[in-house]
C-alpha atoms as a PDB file:
ATOM      1  CA  MET A   1       0.000   0.000   0.000  1.00  0.00           C
ATOM      2  CA  ASN A   2       1.282   3.455  -0.959  1.00  0.00           C
ATOM      3  CA  LEU A   3       0.395   6.299   1.433  1.00  0.00           C
ATOM      4  CA  SER A   4       0.362   9.071  -1.178  1.00  0.00           C
ATOM      5  CA  ARG A   5      -1.964   7.087  -3.469  1.00  0.00           C
ATOM      6  CA  THR A   6      -4.223   6.226  -0.554  1.00  0.00           C
ATOM      7  CA  LEU A   7      -4.494   9.877   0.476  1.00  0.00           C
ATOM      8  CA  ALA A   8      -5.097  10.899  -3.140  1.00  0.00           C
ATOM      9  CA  THR A   9      -8.055   8.494  -3.198  1.00  0.00           C
ATOM     10  CA  THR A  10      -9.333  10.001   0.062  1.00  0.00           C
ATOM     11  CA  ARG A  11      -9.156  13.538  -1.351  1.00  0.00           C
ATOM     12  CA  ARG A  12     -10.938  12.492  -4.537  1.00  0.00           C
ATOM     13  CA  VAL A  13     -13.796  10.860  -2.635  1.00  0.00           C
ATOM     14  CA  LEU A  14     -14.182  13.893  -0.356  1.00  0.00           C
ATOM     15  CA  ARG A  15     -14.303  16.205  -3.387  1.00  0.00           C
ATOM     16  CA  GLN A  16     -17.034  14.064  -4.901  1.00  0.00           C
ATOM     17  CA  LEU A  17     -19.028  14.075  -1.677  1.00  0.00           C
ATOM     18  CA  ARG A  18     -18.725  17.855  -1.424  1.00  0.00           C
ATOM     19  CA  HIS A  19     -20.665  18.095  -4.685  1.00  0.00           C
ATOM     20  CA  ASP A  20     -23.308  15.622  -3.494  1.00  0.00           C
ATOM     21  CA  PRO A  21     -25.225  17.408  -0.718  1.00  0.00           C
ATOM     22  CA  ARG A  22     -27.983  14.800  -0.608  1.00  0.00           C
ATOM     23  CA  THR A  23     -25.525  12.054   0.313  1.00  0.00           C
ATOM     24  CA  VAL A  24     -23.888  14.241   2.934  1.00  0.00           C
ATOM     25  CA  ALA A  25     -27.328  15.043   4.355  1.00  0.00           C
ATOM     26  CA  LEU A  26     -28.151  11.329   4.503  1.00  0.00           C
ATOM     27  CA  MET A  27     -25.006  10.628   6.493  1.00  0.00           C
ATOM     28  CA  LEU A  28     -25.116  13.612   8.840  1.00  0.00           C
ATOM     29  CA  VAL A  29     -28.746  14.622   9.202  1.00  0.00           C
ATOM     30  CA  VAL A  30     -30.760  11.390   9.038  1.00  0.00           C
ATOM     31  CA  PRO A  31     -29.306   9.856  12.253  1.00  0.00           C
ATOM     32  CA  LEU A  32     -30.132  13.092  14.089  1.00  0.00           C
ATOM     33  CA  VAL A  33     -33.692  13.074  12.786  1.00  0.00           C
ATOM     34  CA  LEU A  34     -34.163   9.428  13.769  1.00  0.00           C
ATOM     35  CA  LEU A  35     -32.826  10.012  17.285  1.00  0.00           C
ATOM     36  CA  SER A  36     -35.090  13.026  17.702  1.00  0.00           C
ATOM     37  CA  LEU A  37     -38.081  11.063  16.435  1.00  0.00           C
ATOM     38  CA  LEU A  38     -37.353   8.278  18.916  1.00  0.00           C
ATOM     39  CA  TYR A  39     -37.100  10.835  21.726  1.00  0.00           C
ATOM     40  CA  TRP A  40     -40.516  12.265  20.838  1.00  0.00           C
ATOM     41  CA  VAL A  41     -42.035   8.796  20.598  1.00  0.00           C
ATOM     42  CA  TYR A  42     -41.010   8.161  24.215  1.00  0.00           C
ATOM     43  CA  ASP A  43     -41.685  11.705  25.375  1.00  0.00           C
ATOM     44  CA  ASP A  44     -43.901  10.433  28.223  1.00  0.00           C
ATOM     45  CA  SER A  45     -41.409   7.735  29.170  1.00  0.00           C
ATOM     46  CA  PRO A  46     -37.904   9.232  29.298  1.00  0.00           C
ATOM     47  CA  GLY A  47     -36.563   6.142  31.058  1.00  0.00           C
ATOM     48  CA  THR A  48     -37.353   4.061  27.996  1.00  0.00           C
ATOM     49  CA  PHE A  49     -35.447   6.457  25.761  1.00  0.00           C
ATOM     50  CA  ASP A  50     -32.473   6.286  28.124  1.00  0.00           C
ATOM     51  CA  ASN A  51     -32.507   2.473  27.911  1.00  0.00           C
ATOM     52  CA  ILE A  52     -32.491   2.207  24.119  1.00  0.00           C
ATOM     53  CA  GLY A  53     -31.243   5.616  22.991  1.00  0.00           C
ATOM     54  CA  ALA A  54     -27.593   4.804  23.663  1.00  0.00           C
ATOM     55  CA  SER A  55     -27.816   1.581  21.653  1.00  0.00           C
ATOM     56  CA  LEU A  56     -29.482   3.310  18.712  1.00  0.00           C
ATOM     57  CA  LEU A  57     -26.819   6.012  18.864  1.00  0.00           C
ATOM     58  CA  GLY A  58     -24.462   3.369  17.506  1.00  0.00           C
ATOM     59  CA  ILE A  59     -26.892   1.503  15.279  1.00  0.00           C
ATOM     60  CA  PHE A  60     -28.183   4.445  13.227  1.00  0.00           C
ATOM     61  CA  PRO A  61     -24.700   5.590  12.060  1.00  0.00           C
ATOM     62  CA  MET A  62     -23.833   2.011  11.129  1.00  0.00           C
ATOM     63  CA  ILE A  63     -26.935   1.710   8.946  1.00  0.00           C
ATOM     64  CA  THR A  64     -26.489   5.029   7.137  1.00  0.00           C
ATOM     65  CA  MET A  65     -22.766   4.478   6.508  1.00  0.00           C
ATOM     66  CA  PHE A  66     -23.492   0.990   5.173  1.00  0.00           C
ATOM     67  CA  LEU A  67     -26.019   2.323   2.673  1.00  0.00           C
ATOM     68  CA  VAL A  68     -23.985   5.286   1.471  1.00  0.00           C
ATOM     69  CA  THR A  69     -20.675   3.440   1.194  1.00  0.00           C
ATOM     70  CA  SER A  70     -22.077   0.417  -0.649  1.00  0.00           C
ATOM     71  CA  ILE A  71     -23.888   2.570  -3.203  1.00  0.00           C
ATOM     72  CA  ALA A  72     -20.997   5.009  -3.695  1.00  0.00           C
ATOM     73  CA  THR A  73     -18.469   2.224  -4.268  1.00  0.00           C
ATOM     74  CA  LEU A  74     -20.800   0.415  -6.653  1.00  0.00           C
ATOM     75  CA  ARG A  75     -21.322   3.629  -8.610  1.00  0.00           C
ATOM     76  CA  GLU A  76     -17.550   3.897  -9.046  1.00  0.00           C
ATOM     77  CA  ARG A  77     -17.470   0.421 -10.559  1.00  0.00           C
ATOM     78  CA  THR A  78     -20.530   0.644 -12.809  1.00  0.00           C
ATOM     79  CA  SER A  79     -19.413   4.025 -14.191  1.00  0.00           C
ATOM     80  CA  GLY A  80     -16.022   2.590 -15.173  1.00  0.00           C
ATOM     81  CA  THR A  81     -14.141   4.874 -12.773  1.00  0.00           C
ATOM     82  CA  LEU A  82     -12.860   1.980 -10.714  1.00  0.00           C
ATOM     83  CA  GLU A  83     -11.549   0.127 -13.751  1.00  0.00           C
ATOM     84  CA  ARG A  84      -9.649   3.222 -14.923  1.00  0.00           C
ATOM     85  CA  LEU A  85      -8.206   3.802 -11.457  1.00  0.00           C
ATOM     86  CA  LEU A  86      -7.012   0.228 -11.046  1.00  0.00           C
ATOM     87  CA  SER A  87      -5.379   0.289 -14.481  1.00  0.00           C
ATOM     88  CA  MET A  88      -2.992   2.845 -12.981  1.00  0.00           C
ATOM     89  CA  PRO A  89      -0.443   2.149 -10.228  1.00  0.00           C
ATOM     90  CA  LEU A  90      -3.194   2.019  -7.629  1.00  0.00           C
ATOM     91  CA  GLY A  91      -3.637  -1.140  -5.590  1.00  0.00           C
ATOM     92  CA  LYS A  92      -6.874  -2.471  -4.203  1.00  0.00           C
ATOM     93  CA  ALA A  93      -5.665  -1.771  -0.683  1.00  0.00           C
ATOM     94  CA  ASP A  94      -4.945   1.851  -1.637  1.00  0.00           C
ATOM     95  CA  LEU A  95      -8.476   2.207  -2.918  1.00  0.00           C
ATOM     96  CA  ILE A  96     -10.224   0.495   0.000  1.00  0.00           C
ATOM     97  CA  VAL A  97      -8.227   2.310   2.673  1.00  0.00           C
ATOM     98  CA  GLY A  98      -8.660   5.606   0.830  1.00  0.00           C
ATOM     99  CA  TYR A  99     -12.406   5.122   0.802  1.00  0.00           C
ATOM    100  CA  ALA A 100     -12.371   4.070   4.447  1.00  0.00           C
ATOM    101  CA  LEU A 101     -10.441   7.203   5.423  1.00  0.00           C
ATOM    102  CA  ALA A 102     -12.779   9.492   3.494  1.00  0.00           C
ATOM    103  CA  PHE A 103     -15.932   8.002   4.926  1.00  0.00           C
ATOM    104  CA  GLY A 104     -14.209   7.641   8.285  1.00  0.00           C
ATOM    105  CA  LEU A 105     -13.734  11.409   8.448  1.00  0.00           C
ATOM    106  CA  LEU A 106     -17.426  11.848   7.796  1.00  0.00           C
ATOM    107  CA  ALA A 107     -18.127   9.164  10.379  1.00  0.00           C
ATOM    108  CA  ILE A 108     -16.266  11.255  12.977  1.00  0.00           C
ATOM    109  CA  VAL A 109     -18.474  14.243  12.203  1.00  0.00           C
ATOM    110  CA  GLN A 110     -21.590  12.066  12.155  1.00  0.00           C
ATOM    111  CA  ALA A 111     -20.798  10.357  15.457  1.00  0.00           C
ATOM    112  CA  GLY A 112     -19.911  13.677  17.076  1.00  0.00           C
ATOM    113  CA  LEU A 113     -23.165  15.322  16.015  1.00  0.00           C
ATOM    114  CA  ALA A 114     -25.291  12.348  17.053  1.00  0.00           C
ATOM    115  CA  THR A 115     -23.594  12.028  20.435  1.00  0.00           C
ATOM    116  CA  ALA A 116     -23.855  15.759  21.134  1.00  0.00           C
ATOM    117  CA  LEU A 117     -27.544  15.770  20.214  1.00  0.00           C
ATOM    118  CA  ALA A 118     -28.313  12.728  22.367  1.00  0.00           C
ATOM    119  CA  ILE A 119     -26.450  13.972  25.448  1.00  0.00           C
ATOM    120  CA  TRP A 120     -27.079  17.708  25.412  1.00  0.00           C
ATOM    121  CA  GLY A 121     -30.082  18.058  23.130  1.00  0.00           C
ATOM    122  CA  LEU A 122     -32.195  15.048  24.095  1.00  0.00           C
ATOM    123  CA  ASP A 123     -30.983  14.687  27.696  1.00  0.00           C
ATOM    124  CA  LEU A 124     -29.845  11.096  27.353  1.00  0.00           C
ATOM    125  CA  ASP A 125     -28.994  10.025  30.900  1.00  0.00           C
ATOM    126  CA  ILE A 126     -25.851   7.912  31.047  1.00  0.00           C
ATOM    127  CA  THR A 127     -23.629   6.901  33.939  1.00  0.00           C
ATOM    128  CA  GLY A 128     -20.347   6.783  32.040  1.00  0.00           C
ATOM    129  CA  SER A 129     -18.436   9.351  29.999  1.00  0.00           C
ATOM    130  CA  PRO A 130     -19.995  10.858  26.846  1.00  0.00           C
ATOM    131  CA  TRP A 131     -16.588  10.459  25.204  1.00  0.00           C
ATOM    132  CA  LEU A 132     -16.924   6.696  25.465  1.00  0.00           C
ATOM    133  CA  LEU A 133     -20.278   6.890  23.676  1.00  0.00           C
ATOM    134  CA  LEU A 134     -18.554   8.872  20.938  1.00  0.00           C
ATOM    135  CA  VAL A 135     -15.844   6.220  20.595  1.00  0.00           C
ATOM    136  CA  VAL A 136     -18.386   3.417  20.209  1.00  0.00           C
ATOM    137  CA  ALA A 137     -20.554   5.432  17.798  1.00  0.00           C
ATOM    138  CA  LEU A 138     -17.482   6.136  15.665  1.00  0.00           C
ATOM    139  CA  LEU A 139     -16.435   2.477  15.610  1.00  0.00           C
ATOM    140  CA  ASP A 140     -19.979   1.493  14.633  1.00  0.00           C
ATOM    141  CA  ALA A 141     -19.953   3.988  11.773  1.00  0.00           C
ATOM    142  CA  LEU A 142     -16.589   2.651  10.597  1.00  0.00           C
ATOM    143  CA  LEU A 143     -17.958  -0.892  10.769  1.00  0.00           C
ATOM    144  CA  GLY A 144     -20.890   0.194   8.609  1.00  0.00           C
ATOM    145  CA  THR A 145     -18.402   1.706   6.145  1.00  0.00           C
ATOM    146  CA  ALA A 146     -16.397  -1.531   6.008  1.00  0.00           C
ATOM    147  CA  LEU A 147     -19.531  -3.633   5.487  1.00  0.00           C
ATOM    148  CA  GLY A 148     -20.684  -1.302   2.710  1.00  0.00           C
ATOM    149  CA  LEU A 149     -17.343  -1.578   0.912  1.00  0.00           C
ATOM    150  CA  PHE A 150     -17.445  -5.341   1.236  1.00  0.00           C
ATOM    151  CA  VAL A 151     -20.976  -6.004  -0.043  1.00  0.00           C
ATOM    152  CA  SER A 152     -20.600  -3.595  -2.964  1.00  0.00           C
ATOM    153  CA  ALA A 153     -18.386  -6.227  -4.628  1.00  0.00           C
ATOM    154  CA  PHE A 154     -21.362  -8.592  -4.876  1.00  0.00           C
ATOM    155  CA  ALA A 155     -23.975  -6.165  -6.217  1.00  0.00           C
ATOM    156  CA  ALA A 156     -24.607  -5.490  -9.897  1.00  0.00           C
ATOM    157  CA  SER A 157     -26.770  -2.396  -9.370  1.00  0.00           C
ATOM    158  CA  GLU A 158     -27.587   0.170  -6.721  1.00  0.00           C
ATOM    159  CA  PHE A 159     -30.902  -1.592  -6.173  1.00  0.00           C
ATOM    160  CA  GLN A 160     -29.068  -4.823  -5.379  1.00  0.00           C
ATOM    161  CA  ALA A 161     -26.763  -2.946  -2.997  1.00  0.00           C
ATOM    162  CA  VAL A 162     -29.803  -1.756  -1.054  1.00  0.00           C
ATOM    163  CA  GLN A 163     -31.159  -5.321  -1.055  1.00  0.00           C
ATOM    164  CA  PHE A 164     -28.144  -6.442   0.968  1.00  0.00           C
ATOM    165  CA  MET A 165     -29.403  -4.392   3.879  1.00  0.00           C
ATOM    166  CA  PRO A 166     -32.087  -6.915   4.946  1.00  0.00           C
ATOM    167  CA  ALA A 167     -29.501  -9.690   4.688  1.00  0.00           C
ATOM    168  CA  ILE A 168     -26.626  -7.940   6.479  1.00  0.00           C
ATOM    169  CA  ILE A 169     -28.119  -5.346   8.810  1.00  0.00           C
ATOM    170  CA  PHE A 170     -31.606  -6.532   9.784  1.00  0.00           C
ATOM    171  CA  PRO A 171     -30.564  -9.883  11.347  1.00  0.00           C
ATOM    172  CA  GLN A 172     -28.012  -8.031  13.468  1.00  0.00           C
ATOM    173  CA  LEU A 173     -30.656  -5.482  14.453  1.00  0.00           C
ATOM    174  CA  LEU A 174     -33.025  -8.226  15.588  1.00  0.00           C
ATOM    175  CA  LEU A 175     -30.424 -10.256  17.474  1.00  0.00           C
ATOM    176  CA  CYS A 176     -28.180  -7.568  18.955  1.00  0.00           C
ATOM    177  CA  GLY A 177     -30.069  -7.370  22.254  1.00  0.00           C
ATOM    178  CA  LEU A 178     -31.964  -4.195  21.479  1.00  0.00           C
ATOM    179  CA  LEU A 179     -35.389  -5.850  21.320  1.00  0.00           C
ATOM    180  CA  ALA A 180     -34.775  -8.581  23.907  1.00  0.00           C
ATOM    181  CA  PRO A 181     -31.854  -9.618  26.140  1.00  0.00           C
ATOM    182  CA  ARG A 182     -29.589 -11.958  24.224  1.00  0.00           C
ATOM    183  CA  ASP A 183     -29.399 -14.476  27.060  1.00  0.00           C
ATOM    184  CA  SER A 184     -33.187 -14.866  26.920  1.00  0.00           C
ATOM    185  CA  MET A 185     -33.193 -15.942  23.265  1.00  0.00           C
ATOM    186  CA  GLN A 186     -33.334 -19.475  21.963  1.00  0.00           C
ATOM    187  CA  PRO A 187     -29.865 -21.088  22.240  1.00  0.00           C
ATOM    188  CA  VAL A 188     -29.381 -21.125  18.470  1.00  0.00           C
ATOM    189  CA  LEU A 189     -30.272 -17.438  18.150  1.00  0.00           C
ATOM    190  CA  GLU A 190     -28.076 -16.560  21.100  1.00  0.00           C
ATOM    191  CA  ALA A 191     -25.172 -18.405  19.489  1.00  0.00           C
ATOM    192  CA  ILE A 192     -25.695 -16.485  16.242  1.00  0.00           C
ATOM    193  CA  SER A 193     -25.909 -13.187  18.102  1.00  0.00           C
ATOM    194  CA  ASN A 194     -22.591 -13.948  19.771  1.00  0.00           C
ATOM    195  CA  VAL A 195     -20.771 -13.756  16.433  1.00  0.00           C
ATOM    196  CA  LEU A 196     -22.496 -10.609  15.130  1.00  0.00           C
ATOM    197  CA  PRO A 197     -20.510  -7.384  15.649  1.00  0.00           C
ATOM    198  CA  MET A 198     -23.592  -5.232  16.272  1.00  0.00           C
ATOM    199  CA  SER A 199     -24.264  -7.276  19.418  1.00  0.00           C
ATOM    200  CA  TYR A 200     -20.981  -6.091  20.888  1.00  0.00           C
ATOM    201  CA  ALA A 201     -21.646  -2.513  19.775  1.00  0.00           C
ATOM    202  CA  VAL A 202     -24.898  -2.568  21.769  1.00  0.00           C
ATOM    203  CA  ASP A 203     -23.139  -4.214  24.732  1.00  0.00           C
ATOM    204  CA  ALA A 204     -20.471  -1.491  24.691  1.00  0.00           C
ATOM    205  CA  MET A 205     -23.131   1.230  24.687  1.00  0.00           C
ATOM    206  CA  ASN A 206     -24.863  -0.459  27.618  1.00  0.00           C
ATOM    207  CA  GLU A 207     -21.591  -0.587  29.539  1.00  0.00           C
ATOM    208  CA  VAL A 208     -21.311   3.204  29.198  1.00  0.00           C
ATOM    209  CA  LEU A 209     -24.977   3.578  30.094  1.00  0.00           C
ATOM    210  CA  LEU A 210     -24.699   1.607  33.332  1.00  0.00           C
ATOM    211  CA  HIS A 211     -21.122   1.942  34.646  1.00  0.00           C
ATOM    212  CA  PRO A 212     -19.276   5.117  35.681  1.00  0.00           C
ATOM    213  CA  ASP A 213     -15.849   3.633  34.940  1.00  0.00           C
ATOM    214  CA  VAL A 214     -14.406   1.844  31.946  1.00  0.00           C
ATOM    215  CA  THR A 215     -14.898  -1.893  32.410  1.00  0.00           C
ATOM    216  CA  GLY A 216     -13.109  -4.901  31.018  1.00  0.00           C
ATOM    217  CA  ASP A 217     -16.256  -5.856  29.135  1.00  0.00           C
ATOM    218  CA  PHE A 218     -16.211  -2.440  27.447  1.00  0.00           C
ATOM    219  CA  PHE A 219     -12.655  -2.969  26.195  1.00  0.00           C
ATOM    220  CA  ARG A 220     -13.621  -6.429  24.959  1.00  0.00           C
ATOM    221  CA  ASP A 221     -16.667  -5.119  23.117  1.00  0.00           C
ATOM    222  CA  VAL A 222     -14.946  -2.213  21.378  1.00  0.00           C
ATOM    223  CA  GLY A 223     -12.036  -4.481  20.494  1.00  0.00           C
ATOM    224  CA  ILE A 224     -14.382  -6.916  18.779  1.00  0.00           C
ATOM    225  CA  VAL A 225     -16.148  -4.124  16.872  1.00  0.00           C
ATOM    226  CA  ALA A 226     -12.837  -2.594  15.766  1.00  0.00           C
ATOM    227  CA  GLY A 227     -11.421  -5.996  14.834  1.00  0.00           C
ATOM    228  CA  SER A 228     -14.546  -6.815  12.839  1.00  0.00           C
ATOM    229  CA  ALA A 229     -14.199  -3.554  10.907  1.00  0.00           C
ATOM    230  CA  LEU A 230     -10.556  -4.310  10.049  1.00  0.00           C
ATOM    231  CA  LEU A 231     -11.408  -7.869   9.049  1.00  0.00           C
ATOM    232  CA  VAL A 232     -14.217  -6.763   6.760  1.00  0.00           C
ATOM    233  CA  LEU A 233     -11.989  -4.083   5.199  1.00  0.00           C
ATOM    234  CA  GLY A 234      -9.462  -6.809   4.391  1.00  0.00           C
ATOM    235  CA  LEU A 235     -12.177  -8.943   2.833  1.00  0.00           C
ATOM    236  CA  GLY A 236     -13.347  -5.920   0.870  1.00  0.00           C
ATOM    237  CA  ALA A 237      -9.884  -5.433  -0.602  1.00  0.00           C
ATOM    238  CA  ALA A 238      -9.652  -9.131  -1.470  1.00  0.00           C
ATOM    239  CA  THR A 239     -13.041  -9.276  -3.206  1.00  0.00           C
ATOM    240  CA  LEU A 240     -12.954  -5.880  -4.955  1.00  0.00           C
ATOM    241  CA  ARG A 241     -13.731  -6.132  -8.654  1.00  0.00           C
ATOM    242  CA  ARG A 242     -12.770  -3.562 -11.244  1.00  0.00           C
ATOM    243  CA  ARG A 243     -16.124  -3.485 -12.933  1.00  0.00           C
ATOM    244  CA  THR A 244     -19.577  -5.006 -12.874  1.00  0.00           C
ATOM    245  CA  ALA A 245     -20.071  -7.762 -15.408  1.00  0.00           C
END
């Protein structure tokens, strides 16, 4: 991997995003709107919002980054841009890491805005540090970016990229412990949930919600989420195709 080529890819992607305000709005504004909507839904039951708001603070950025990254990468391939780029001295790792850096910068902004809104705008009551919530939200957004880069290799159209969402995101959403405690699920479902990274993202958020100090479980959970993101990025580089057949 060449650092200058990777950074050149990052700058190119950021320039493209600057001229695409709708995509930027999807990444930065939609999670804020969804959090606010959830707060209003539980307006008469603030305790309920406190219980699930922290978890959704990590889930919403993951979903939006997954959608945007998968579609943007696929558009590069179907337009022929990716094929032209890879015909030059640009490796797959340069491209994947460049994309990850570009969307990662946006993920920092997204996670910061969402965390600030939840803590100071929506009065999310947590026991731990808001900075730890920000760390987990950022890792979740980066995981969504990595998953989007990975699945884009298997889609032939933007419509197919969106279709991967029910297959990749929805099962994790159902089994992550948001709707029911994972240890109360059927053994098979619990076993599946134990290998899904979103489960550990929710666990990490709950650790911040309930404990004033950083716990060993928190370090384990964020380590698994970060490791999953790196693993998926590696798979994305290995499966990246120059063009759609």
